[in-house]
Structures are given as C-alpha cells and as structure tokens.
C-alpha cells in the first residue's frame, strides 16, 4: 500500500493533481476561519445563541449545515466537506 502511494508521487500528472486538491482544501478551510471585514463577530454569535434558544432555530440549522462558519460570518460560509452531510440530512427530512 505504501508503494502504491509512492508511485502516485512519482507520476508528475498525479502529483500535480494531488497538490492542487490539497491547496484548494487549505484555501477553503482558511476562508472558513476568516471573519468578513466590518462584521462584529461577538454580536453575530450572540444573535445565533439567542435564536437557538427560541423555538424553531432555523438560523441554528443553517449554521449547522455551514459547519459553524455562518456564525462567524466567514468569507467562505460553507465548508466543502459538509456537502454529503447536507444531502443526507435533506434526504432524511424529505422522507
């Protein structure tokens, strides 16, 4: 198994694609951690906490699907790794 991984690093096309994919993942995760300029993060987080306590909690649901990035008002509000989780949740809700 280790030899198969080492072979992928030796092939230039695969190495380039793997490095590109890793770079995109790093960029998206950094964008999900950076708060949008001009937004008071403390006020936004308090609003999310107050709406989560009330009945309904639609804002908390959207924040859950964005991986918490919506609460921080991040530059990239939706994490790419949560797409399959969102699909699963929506499929369960439709049934």
Foldseek 3Di string as FASTA:
>chain_A
DVVVVVVLCVDVVSVVVVVVVVVVLVVLVVQLVAADPPDDLVVLLVVLVVLCPDPPSPVVVLCVQQVNSVSRNGRNSRRPVSPVVVVVVVVVVVD
